[in-house]
């Protein structure tokens, strides 16, 4: 029986050659939002992986929308030029059909913090901190900056920043754009009752809390051509009583689809620092399954998906349309090659790496390579 994981999928205006997506992974290695040599190496490595879609890391739509000083941005001509240059390099080594996406986001109240390996705490007075913003003037947790609640002018600025970044992404040539509406960042801060305590038309009921994120989606959809697939990383659950749950996820997905989204990647958590999450293999897949079943939108599952047969089962049983993996590809950039071999699928590999196959190297793990010239 053919592998479900390695079957093609239509996502709005584009098709991906298989159901594997490399999820966005912050590298904290940019300079004022501009990618560096680290990024070109990282992106080219991921491009060669054989994954059907490669999603570039969370990218700030404005300078103060970044998490850290090292986060990638798409708010200047220099950002646009260098991302375009490095994306072109990645495309040159990717198998034909590989699709490239970028995740656009705004960190909101989780911004202005140190690099993770410097402690990840809020920036101190001598570390060039900035005023953070959110749905409400409430800090993410103890020791975090108190954000300013966005007013109408601020919401307009952020909305325009998303649209302008999307236009830059379109000019660069990305096949898809994913908005970050999860993990406790700004759009999620509006949607979740954990972080949105506004008393105006942008707070209170679910429909009110969705108002600003949906206006951002509308602005982005109007800013880019129909040939670009649009999606969102959304919250399946806040993992906290009184927060968003599975029923809210379905309602979100339906609203996102109606607003013009072509796909949703379902994740969860991040709305507050003290939440305890029940971690385990595929622990977020049930939320994606509910969204796929009831939300009517192309759905990606995420959350400790690491084994080829685990990923195959998720797709084969119709629990999601795609799987998103991040750390699995950091650990093994050739994950998809080995998965195809285990599942009996055909995955075209660059001839430069054929010598790693069994016919050249007895005992190799890759037994059935397929060759393809990379240009």
Protein backbone atom coordinates (compact mmCIF):
# COMPACT_ATOMS: atom_id res chain seq x y z
CA UNK A 1 0.00 0.00 0.00
CA UNK A 2 1.41 3.44 -0.93
CA UNK A 3 2.57 5.63 1.95
CA UNK A 4 0.01 8.21 3.04
CA UNK A 5 2.78 10.39 4.49
CA UNK A 6 4.48 10.64 1.11
CA UNK A 7 1.35 11.39 -0.92
CA UNK A 8 0.81 14.87 -2.40
CA UNK A 9 -1.59 17.40 -0.89
CA UNK A 10 -3.42 20.42 -2.26
CA UNK A 11 -3.37 23.47 0.04
CA UNK A 12 -5.42 26.23 -1.49
CA UNK A 13 -3.56 27.39 -4.61
CA UNK A 14 -0.46 25.22 -4.11
CA UNK A 15 0.42 21.53 -3.98
CA UNK A 16 3.04 19.96 -1.73
CA UNK A 17 4.74 16.69 -2.77
CA UNK A 18 4.31 15.04 0.65
CA UNK A 19 2.64 15.60 4.01
CA UNK A 20 5.78 16.55 5.97
CA UNK A 21 6.25 20.16 7.07
CA UNK A 22 9.29 21.45 8.91
CA UNK A 23 7.82 23.71 11.56
CA UNK A 24 9.32 27.16 12.15
CA UNK A 25 12.18 27.20 14.67
CA UNK A 26 13.53 30.47 16.07
CA UNK A 27 17.31 30.67 15.63
CA UNK A 28 17.87 33.94 17.55
CA UNK A 29 20.77 34.68 15.20
CA UNK A 30 19.64 37.71 13.17
CA UNK A 31 21.04 41.23 13.35
CA UNK A 32 18.27 43.85 13.59
CA UNK A 33 15.97 41.34 11.96
CA UNK A 34 18.36 40.59 9.09
CA UNK A 35 19.38 36.94 8.57
CA UNK A 36 23.05 35.99 8.82
CA UNK A 37 25.30 33.26 7.45
CA UNK A 38 23.85 30.96 10.13
CA UNK A 39 20.46 31.23 8.44
CA UNK A 40 21.66 30.41 4.94
CA UNK A 41 23.34 27.25 6.19
CA UNK A 42 20.30 26.32 8.29
CA UNK A 43 17.78 26.96 5.51
CA UNK A 44 19.81 25.10 2.89
CA UNK A 45 20.12 22.10 5.20
CA UNK A 46 16.36 22.03 5.75
CA UNK A 47 15.72 22.59 2.03
CA UNK A 48 17.64 19.41 1.17
CA UNK A 49 15.64 17.36 3.68
CA UNK A 50 12.90 16.23 1.30
CA UNK A 51 10.12 17.68 3.45
CA UNK A 52 7.21 18.88 1.33
CA UNK A 53 7.09 22.26 3.04
CA UNK A 54 9.80 24.18 4.88
CA UNK A 55 8.55 26.97 7.15
CA UNK A 56 11.01 29.74 7.98
CA UNK A 57 11.13 30.71 11.64
CA UNK A 58 8.83 33.16 13.44
CA UNK A 59 9.53 36.52 11.79
CA UNK A 60 8.62 39.83 13.41
CA UNK A 61 6.41 42.13 11.38
CA UNK A 62 7.84 45.14 13.19
CA UNK A 63 11.04 45.73 15.15
CA UNK A 64 9.28 45.73 18.51
CA UNK A 65 7.29 42.67 17.52
CA UNK A 66 10.36 40.45 17.83
CA UNK A 67 10.86 38.22 20.87
CA UNK A 68 14.55 39.07 21.23
CA UNK A 69 17.16 41.28 19.63
CA UNK A 70 18.28 38.19 17.70
CA UNK A 71 14.93 37.36 16.11
CA UNK A 72 14.33 37.46 12.38
CA UNK A 73 12.24 40.32 11.01
CA UNK A 74 10.60 41.39 7.77
CA UNK A 75 10.11 45.11 8.37
CA UNK A 76 12.90 46.72 6.33
CA UNK A 77 14.35 46.64 2.84
CA UNK A 78 17.53 45.05 4.21
CA UNK A 79 15.52 42.26 5.86
CA UNK A 80 13.66 41.66 2.62
CA UNK A 81 16.80 41.63 0.48
CA UNK A 82 18.75 39.18 2.63
CA UNK A 83 15.84 36.83 3.25
CA UNK A 84 15.28 36.80 -0.52
CA UNK A 85 18.94 36.07 -1.19
CA UNK A 86 19.12 33.20 1.28
CA UNK A 87 15.77 31.75 0.24
CA UNK A 88 17.02 31.63 -3.35
CA UNK A 89 20.08 29.69 -2.17
CA UNK A 90 17.83 27.23 -0.33
CA UNK A 91 15.66 26.74 -3.39
CA UNK A 92 18.71 25.87 -5.49
CA UNK A 93 19.44 22.77 -3.40
CA UNK A 94 15.85 21.71 -2.67
CA UNK A 95 14.16 18.85 -4.54
CA UNK A 96 11.68 20.08 -7.16
CA UNK A 97 8.26 20.66 -5.68
CA UNK A 98 9.49 21.72 -2.24
CA UNK A 99 7.36 24.59 -0.97
CA UNK A 100 8.69 27.38 1.21
CA UNK A 101 6.64 29.27 3.76
CA UNK A 102 7.38 31.99 6.30
CA UNK A 103 5.73 32.48 9.67
CA UNK A 104 4.85 36.11 10.37
CA UNK A 105 4.15 37.12 13.92
CA UNK A 106 4.26 39.65 16.72
CA UNK A 107 5.44 38.66 20.19
CA UNK A 108 3.27 41.19 22.06
CA UNK A 109 3.79 40.91 25.81
CA UNK A 110 6.33 38.09 25.37
CA UNK A 111 8.74 40.43 23.58
CA UNK A 112 11.81 42.30 24.83
CA UNK A 113 13.54 39.30 26.40
CA UNK A 114 17.08 37.92 26.36
CA UNK A 115 18.27 35.18 24.02
CA UNK A 116 17.39 31.78 25.50
CA UNK A 117 21.03 30.88 26.12
CA UNK A 118 21.46 34.20 27.97
CA UNK A 119 18.65 33.36 30.36
CA UNK A 120 15.46 34.30 28.48
CA UNK A 121 14.48 36.90 31.08
CA UNK A 122 13.07 40.34 30.35
CA UNK A 123 15.69 42.73 29.04
CA UNK A 124 17.19 44.93 31.73
CA UNK A 125 17.75 48.71 31.54
CA UNK A 126 21.21 48.24 30.01
CA UNK A 127 20.06 45.73 27.39
CA UNK A 128 18.06 48.07 25.13
CA UNK A 129 14.55 46.96 26.20
CA UNK A 130 11.39 48.27 24.60
CA UNK A 131 7.78 48.88 25.54
CA UNK A 132 5.77 45.74 24.89
CA UNK A 133 2.11 45.68 23.85
CA UNK A 134 -0.79 43.28 24.28
CA UNK A 135 -4.55 42.99 24.37
CA UNK A 136 -4.50 44.05 28.03
CA UNK A 137 -1.95 45.78 30.24
CA UNK A 138 -1.03 42.59 32.09
CA UNK A 139 2.43 40.99 32.20
CA UNK A 140 2.99 37.46 30.93
CA UNK A 141 4.29 36.48 34.37
CA UNK A 142 6.44 37.59 37.27
CA UNK A 143 9.50 39.50 36.09
CA UNK A 144 8.13 40.23 32.63
CA UNK A 145 7.51 43.74 31.29
CA UNK A 146 4.04 45.17 31.79
CA UNK A 147 2.68 45.74 28.28
CA UNK A 148 0.63 48.65 27.06
CA UNK A 149 -2.88 47.69 25.96
CA UNK A 150 -3.15 48.38 22.24
CA UNK A 151 -5.51 51.21 21.36
CA UNK A 152 -7.14 51.70 17.96
CA UNK A 153 -4.07 53.50 16.61
CA UNK A 154 -1.79 50.74 17.83
CA UNK A 155 -3.98 48.02 16.36
CA UNK A 156 -3.97 49.84 13.03
CA UNK A 157 -0.17 50.05 13.11
CA UNK A 158 0.21 46.33 13.87
CA UNK A 159 -2.39 45.35 11.27
CA UNK A 160 -0.58 47.39 8.64
CA UNK A 161 2.75 45.86 9.70
CA UNK A 162 1.37 42.37 9.09
CA UNK A 163 0.07 43.38 5.67
CA UNK A 164 3.34 45.07 4.70
CA UNK A 165 5.41 42.09 5.84
CA UNK A 166 3.13 39.81 3.82
CA UNK A 167 3.70 41.97 0.75
CA UNK A 168 7.45 41.67 1.29
CA UNK A 169 7.10 37.89 1.64
CA UNK A 170 5.17 37.82 -1.63
CA UNK A 171 7.85 39.82 -3.44
CA UNK A 172 10.53 37.48 -2.07
CA UNK A 173 8.66 34.54 -3.59
CA UNK A 174 7.37 32.47 -0.68
CA UNK A 175 4.76 29.91 -1.68
CA UNK A 176 2.84 30.25 1.59
CA UNK A 177 2.51 32.60 4.54
CA UNK A 178 1.64 31.40 8.01
CA UNK A 179 0.49 33.84 10.69
CA UNK A 180 1.44 33.07 14.28
CA UNK A 181 -1.78 32.91 16.29
CA UNK A 182 -0.55 30.60 19.05
CA UNK A 183 2.05 30.10 21.81
CA UNK A 184 0.98 33.15 23.76
CA UNK A 185 2.02 35.71 21.15
CA UNK A 186 0.02 38.79 20.20
CA UNK A 187 -2.80 37.33 18.10
CA UNK A 188 -3.24 34.56 20.67
CA UNK A 189 -3.19 37.21 23.42
CA UNK A 190 -6.32 38.70 21.90
CA UNK A 191 -8.06 35.38 21.33
CA UNK A 192 -7.43 33.81 24.74
CA UNK A 193 -9.51 34.80 27.79
CA UNK A 194 -6.35 34.14 29.82
CA UNK A 195 -4.72 37.30 28.42
CA UNK A 196 -7.59 39.39 27.03
CA UNK A 197 -9.53 41.24 29.72
CA UNK A 198 -10.64 44.19 27.62
CA UNK A 199 -14.00 45.83 28.20
CA UNK A 200 -14.43 47.18 24.66
CA UNK A 201 -15.52 45.52 21.40
CA UNK A 202 -12.20 43.59 21.26
CA UNK A 203 -12.73 41.76 24.56
CA UNK A 204 -15.29 39.72 26.41
CA UNK A 205 -17.10 37.28 24.13
CA UNK A 206 -15.33 34.86 21.80
CA UNK A 207 -16.50 36.85 18.76
CA UNK A 208 -15.11 40.06 20.23
CA UNK A 209 -11.78 38.47 21.09
CA UNK A 210 -11.51 37.20 17.53
CA UNK A 211 -12.23 40.63 16.04
CA UNK A 212 -8.67 41.98 15.88
CA UNK A 213 -6.98 38.74 14.68
CA UNK A 214 -9.60 38.35 11.95
CA UNK A 215 -9.00 41.95 10.85
CA UNK A 216 -5.29 41.11 10.54
CA UNK A 217 -6.09 38.04 8.44
CA UNK A 218 -8.36 40.12 6.20
CA UNK A 219 -5.61 42.73 5.71
CA UNK A 220 -3.03 40.07 4.85
CA UNK A 221 -5.37 38.25 2.46
CA UNK A 222 -6.01 41.53 0.63
CA UNK A 223 -2.29 42.34 0.53
CA UNK A 224 -1.06 39.24 -1.32
CA UNK A 225 -2.05 37.50 -4.55
CA UNK A 226 -4.38 34.52 -4.54
CA UNK A 227 -1.49 32.34 -5.72
CA UNK A 228 -0.03 32.37 -2.18
CA UNK A 229 -1.45 29.91 0.33
CA UNK A 230 -2.33 31.52 3.66
CA UNK A 231 -2.48 29.73 6.96
CA UNK A 232 -2.25 30.21 10.68
CA UNK A 233 -0.63 28.47 13.61
CA UNK A 234 -3.52 28.31 16.02
CA UNK A 235 -4.24 27.16 19.56
CA UNK A 236 -5.87 23.81 20.20
CA UNK A 237 -5.85 24.39 23.95
CA UNK A 238 -4.38 26.76 26.51
CA UNK A 239 -3.83 23.75 28.80
CA UNK A 240 -5.45 25.81 31.52
CA UNK A 241 -8.95 25.76 33.01
CA UNK A 242 -10.76 28.87 31.88
CA UNK A 243 -8.61 29.17 28.78
CA UNK A 244 -9.17 28.07 25.21
CA UNK A 245 -10.19 24.44 24.64
CA UNK A 246 -11.00 22.02 21.84
CA UNK A 247 -14.43 23.53 21.12
CA UNK A 248 -12.83 26.96 20.81
CA UNK A 249 -10.27 25.50 18.41
CA UNK A 250 -13.00 24.31 16.07
CA UNK A 251 -14.72 27.69 16.24
CA UNK A 252 -11.43 29.43 15.50
CA UNK A 253 -10.72 27.19 12.52
CA UNK A 254 -14.12 27.85 11.00
CA UNK A 255 -13.67 31.60 11.42
CA UNK A 256 -10.15 31.48 9.97
CA UNK A 257 -11.34 29.55 6.92
CA UNK A 258 -14.17 31.99 6.34
CA UNK A 259 -11.67 34.86 6.57
CA UNK A 260 -9.53 33.36 3.79
CA UNK A 261 -7.12 30.94 5.47
CA UNK A 262 -6.17 27.84 3.45
CA UNK A 263 -4.67 25.81 6.30
CA UNK A 264 -4.23 25.67 10.05
CA UNK A 265 -1.35 24.24 12.09
CA UNK A 266 -2.73 23.26 15.49
CA UNK A 267 -0.51 23.69 18.52
CA UNK A 268 -1.17 24.79 22.10
CA UNK A 269 0.06 26.29 25.34
CA UNK A 270 2.19 29.37 25.90
CA UNK A 271 -0.50 31.66 27.29
CA UNK A 272 1.08 31.77 30.76
CA UNK A 273 4.37 30.49 32.20
CA UNK A 274 3.01 28.28 34.99
CA UNK A 275 0.87 25.97 32.86
CA UNK A 276 1.58 22.26 33.20
CA UNK A 277 1.31 20.42 29.89
CA UNK A 278 0.76 16.67 29.60
CA UNK A 279 3.71 15.97 27.30
CA UNK A 280 3.96 12.75 25.33
CA UNK A 281 4.30 11.50 21.74
CA UNK A 282 1.68 13.26 19.59
CA UNK A 283 0.18 14.97 22.63
CA UNK A 284 -1.42 17.75 20.56
CA UNK A 285 -2.70 15.55 17.74
CA UNK A 286 -6.21 15.16 19.25
CA UNK A 287 -6.76 18.91 18.91
CA UNK A 288 -5.69 18.83 15.25
CA UNK A 289 -7.98 15.86 14.73
CA UNK A 290 -10.96 17.83 16.06
CA UNK A 291 -10.10 20.79 13.83
CA UNK A 292 -9.79 18.57 10.75
CA UNK A 293 -13.02 16.74 11.52
CA UNK A 294 -15.16 19.76 12.36
CA UNK A 295 -13.31 22.85 11.18
CA UNK A 296 -13.35 22.10 7.47
CA UNK A 297 -9.80 23.35 6.83
CA UNK A 298 -6.55 21.68 5.74
CA UNK A 299 -4.96 20.79 9.06
CA UNK A 300 -1.40 20.19 10.28
CA UNK A 301 -0.72 18.30 13.49
CA UNK A 302 2.26 19.06 15.75
CA UNK A 303 3.68 18.05 19.11
CA UNK A 304 6.41 15.44 19.66
CA UNK A 305 5.89 13.68 16.34
CA UNK A 306 9.23 11.97 15.86
CA UNK A 307 8.86 8.46 14.42
CA UNK A 308 8.05 7.70 10.74
CA UNK A 309 5.35 5.13 11.51
CA UNK A 310 3.79 7.49 14.04
CA UNK A 311 3.59 10.21 11.37
CA UNK A 312 2.29 7.71 8.80
CA UNK A 313 -0.49 6.58 11.12
CA UNK A 314 -1.63 10.15 11.80
CA UNK A 315 -2.08 10.78 8.07
CA UNK A 316 -3.38 7.32 7.15
CA UNK A 317 -6.08 7.44 9.84
CA UNK A 318 -7.20 10.89 8.73
CA UNK A 319 -6.30 12.58 12.01
CA UNK A 320 -4.56 15.41 10.12
CA UNK A 321 -3.62 16.32 6.57
CA UNK A 322 0.03 17.07 7.38
CA UNK A 323 2.46 16.66 10.25
CA UNK A 324 4.73 19.46 11.44
CA UNK A 325 8.09 18.56 12.97
CA UNK A 326 10.91 20.73 14.22
CA UNK A 327 13.29 19.12 16.70
CA UNK A 328 13.23 15.85 14.76
CA UNK A 329 14.90 17.67 11.86
CA UNK A 330 17.39 19.45 14.09
CA UNK A 331 18.37 16.04 15.38
CA UNK A 332 18.43 14.44 11.93
CA UNK A 333 18.14 16.67 8.83
CA UNK A 334 17.77 13.47 6.76
CA UNK A 335 14.72 12.33 8.72
CA UNK A 336 12.52 12.25 5.61
CA UNK A 337 15.03 10.12 3.69
CA UNK A 338 14.97 7.44 6.38
CA UNK A 339 11.18 7.73 6.75
CA UNK A 340 10.68 7.12 3.04
CA UNK A 341 12.95 4.10 3.24
CA UNK A 342 11.06 2.64 6.21
CA UNK A 343 7.67 3.24 4.61
CA UNK A 344 8.61 1.99 1.16
CA UNK A 345 8.10 5.38 -0.46
CA UNK A 346 10.06 7.00 -3.27
CA UNK A 347 11.90 10.17 -2.34
CA UNK A 348 14.27 11.74 -4.85
CA UNK A 349 17.67 12.45 -3.36
CA UNK A 350 20.66 14.43 -4.65
CA UNK A 351 23.20 12.24 -6.48
CA UNK A 352 26.01 13.89 -4.53
CA UNK A 353 24.86 11.90 -1.47
CA UNK A 354 24.30 8.50 -3.15
CA UNK A 355 27.47 7.10 -1.64
CA UNK A 356 25.64 6.94 1.73
CA UNK A 357 23.37 4.20 0.30
CA UNK A 358 23.80 0.48 0.86
CA UNK A 359 25.07 -0.32 -2.64
CA UNK A 360 28.09 1.93 -2.01
CA UNK A 361 28.39 1.45 1.74
CA UNK A 362 27.38 -1.96 3.09
CA UNK A 363 25.35 -1.65 6.26
CA UNK A 364 24.01 1.80 5.44
CA UNK A 365 20.61 2.69 6.82
CA UNK A 366 19.42 4.09 3.48
CA UNK A 367 18.71 1.06 1.32
CA UNK A 368 16.75 2.39 -1.66
CA UNK A 369 17.95 5.84 -2.80
CA UNK A 370 16.48 7.56 -5.80
CA UNK A 371 18.71 9.95 -7.70
CA UNK A 372 17.97 13.47 -8.84
CA UNK A 373 20.20 16.21 -10.15
CA UNK A 374 20.02 19.33 -8.02
CA UNK A 375 20.16 22.58 -9.90
